[in-house]
Amino acid sequence: MPKQVIQTNKAPQPLGPYSQAIRVGDSIYTAGQIGLDPSSMQMVGGVDAQTCRVFDNLIAVAEAAGVRLQDAVKLNVFLTDLANFSQVNGIMESYFSAPYPARAVIGVASLPRNALVEIDAVLVA
């Protein structure tokens, strides 16, 4: 199956040689999103603001692919401090309704631009 590049100016532009998302058939694989504001390309402050910005960025990429964030079937959440798990979990609940996507939460030493959270998604059209 051919790969289709998904691109939108409503999400941060890639910081390296990768695409915001790739669509193959009915599946969309997003790049990891961090709390960058797409208009300024500056990081927003704090784990709550970054998590909201991450989900807003994922919404923009999903919409560019012709789907909704609710179409996510899998999320990978990367946190530099697992003590922020409950905050991120609470914010995620405000962006999704049941059935929730499958999810992994991984503690990492650091993220690009000193982000506190990064999330990628697999969505199905």
Protein backbone atom coordinates (compact mmCIF):
# COMPACT_ATOMS: atom_id res chain seq x y z
CA MET A 1 0.00 0.00 0.00
CA PRO A 2 1.25 3.50 -0.74
CA LYS A 3 2.17 5.84 2.11
CA GLN A 4 0.49 9.24 2.26
CA VAL A 5 2.20 12.06 4.13
CA ILE A 6 -0.08 14.06 6.44
CA GLN A 7 0.90 17.71 6.92
CA THR A 8 -0.78 20.68 8.60
CA ASN A 9 0.31 24.14 9.67
CA LYS A 10 -2.01 23.80 12.69
CA ALA A 11 0.55 21.56 14.41
CA PRO A 12 4.27 22.19 14.96
CA GLN A 13 6.48 21.61 11.97
CA PRO A 14 8.80 18.61 12.29
CA LEU A 15 12.09 19.27 14.10
CA GLY A 16 13.93 16.76 11.92
CA PRO A 17 13.62 14.35 8.98
CA TYR A 18 10.17 12.93 9.76
CA SER A 19 6.51 13.53 8.88
CA GLN A 20 3.77 14.75 11.20
CA ALA A 21 1.90 11.57 10.29
CA ILE A 22 1.79 8.83 7.69
CA ARG A 23 -1.40 7.22 6.43
CA VAL A 24 -1.33 3.67 5.09
CA GLY A 25 -4.76 2.42 4.11
CA ASP A 26 -7.12 3.16 7.01
CA SER A 27 -4.30 3.51 9.56
CA ILE A 28 -2.67 6.81 10.55
CA TYR A 29 0.58 6.83 12.52
CA THR A 30 1.47 10.16 14.10
CA ALA A 31 4.87 11.44 15.07
CA GLY A 32 5.32 12.17 18.74
CA GLN A 33 3.97 15.57 19.71
CA ILE A 34 5.44 17.74 22.43
CA GLY A 35 4.05 20.97 23.92
CA LEU A 36 5.16 23.26 21.10
CA ASP A 37 2.81 26.04 20.09
CA PRO A 38 2.55 25.71 16.29
CA SER A 39 2.43 29.47 15.68
CA SER A 40 5.50 30.38 17.72
CA MET A 41 7.31 26.99 17.82
CA GLN A 42 7.94 27.74 21.51
CA MET A 43 7.30 25.30 24.34
CA VAL A 44 4.35 26.09 26.58
CA GLY A 45 5.00 25.95 30.33
CA GLY A 46 4.17 23.24 32.86
CA VAL A 47 2.98 19.68 32.52
CA ASP A 48 -0.73 20.59 32.34
CA ALA A 49 -0.26 23.18 29.58
CA GLN A 50 2.13 20.91 27.68
CA THR A 51 -0.26 17.96 27.86
CA CYS A 52 -3.16 20.06 26.58
CA ARG A 53 -0.97 21.45 23.80
CA VAL A 54 0.13 17.91 22.87
CA PHE A 55 -3.48 16.77 22.55
CA ASP A 56 -4.41 19.92 20.58
CA ASN A 57 -1.50 19.21 18.23
CA LEU A 58 -2.65 15.60 17.82
CA ILE A 59 -6.17 16.85 17.07
CA ALA A 60 -4.79 19.08 14.29
CA VAL A 61 -2.82 16.21 12.76
CA ALA A 62 -5.81 13.85 13.03
CA GLU A 63 -8.07 16.39 11.33
CA ALA A 64 -5.52 16.86 8.54
CA ALA A 65 -5.77 13.09 8.01
CA GLY A 66 -9.56 13.28 7.87
CA VAL A 67 -10.18 11.63 11.25
CA ARG A 68 -10.80 12.68 14.86
CA LEU A 69 -8.67 12.18 17.94
CA GLN A 70 -11.44 9.87 19.19
CA ASP A 71 -10.40 7.52 16.33
CA ALA A 72 -7.15 6.77 18.17
CA VAL A 73 -6.71 3.09 18.97
CA LYS A 74 -3.27 3.34 20.63
CA LEU A 75 -1.31 6.06 22.42
CA ASN A 76 2.27 6.03 23.63
CA VAL A 77 2.86 8.55 26.42
CA PHE A 78 6.42 9.48 27.36
CA LEU A 79 6.96 11.31 30.68
CA THR A 80 10.18 12.69 32.10
CA ASP A 81 8.65 12.37 35.58
CA LEU A 82 6.18 9.56 36.29
CA ALA A 83 4.93 11.61 39.25
CA ASN A 84 2.99 13.56 36.57
CA PHE A 85 1.05 10.43 35.57
CA SER A 86 -2.18 11.36 37.38
CA GLN A 87 -2.20 14.90 35.94
CA VAL A 88 -1.69 13.61 32.40
CA ASN A 89 -4.29 10.89 32.98
CA GLY A 90 -6.85 13.46 34.13
CA ILE A 91 -6.24 15.67 31.11
CA MET A 92 -6.49 12.67 28.80
CA GLU A 93 -9.94 11.94 30.23
CA SER A 94 -11.08 15.39 29.11
CA TYR A 95 -10.02 14.67 25.50
CA PHE A 96 -11.45 11.14 25.14
CA SER A 97 -14.59 9.22 25.92
CA ALA A 98 -15.14 5.46 26.11
CA PRO A 99 -14.04 3.34 24.45
CA TYR A 100 -10.63 4.74 25.34
CA PRO A 101 -7.59 3.94 23.19
CA ALA A 102 -5.06 1.41 24.41
CA ARG A 103 -2.13 3.20 26.02
CA ALA A 104 1.41 2.76 27.25
CA VAL A 105 3.09 5.20 29.63
CA ILE A 106 6.87 5.19 29.59
CA GLY A 107 9.23 7.08 31.89
CA VAL A 108 12.14 8.61 30.00
CA ALA A 109 15.26 10.55 31.00
CA SER A 110 14.63 13.47 28.66
CA LEU A 111 12.63 14.64 25.65
CA PRO A 112 13.31 17.13 22.82
CA ARG A 113 13.26 20.80 23.83
CA ASN A 114 13.16 19.76 27.51
CA ALA A 115 9.52 18.73 27.10
CA LEU A 116 7.84 17.09 30.08
CA VAL A 117 5.49 14.95 27.97
CA GLU A 118 5.40 13.51 24.45
CA ILE A 119 2.57 11.49 22.94
CA ASP A 120 2.17 9.67 19.64
CA ALA A 121 -0.95 7.96 18.34
CA VAL A 122 -2.20 5.31 15.97
CA LEU A 123 -5.60 6.19 14.53
CA VAL A 124 -7.97 4.21 12.32
CA ALA A 125 -10.27 5.85 9.78
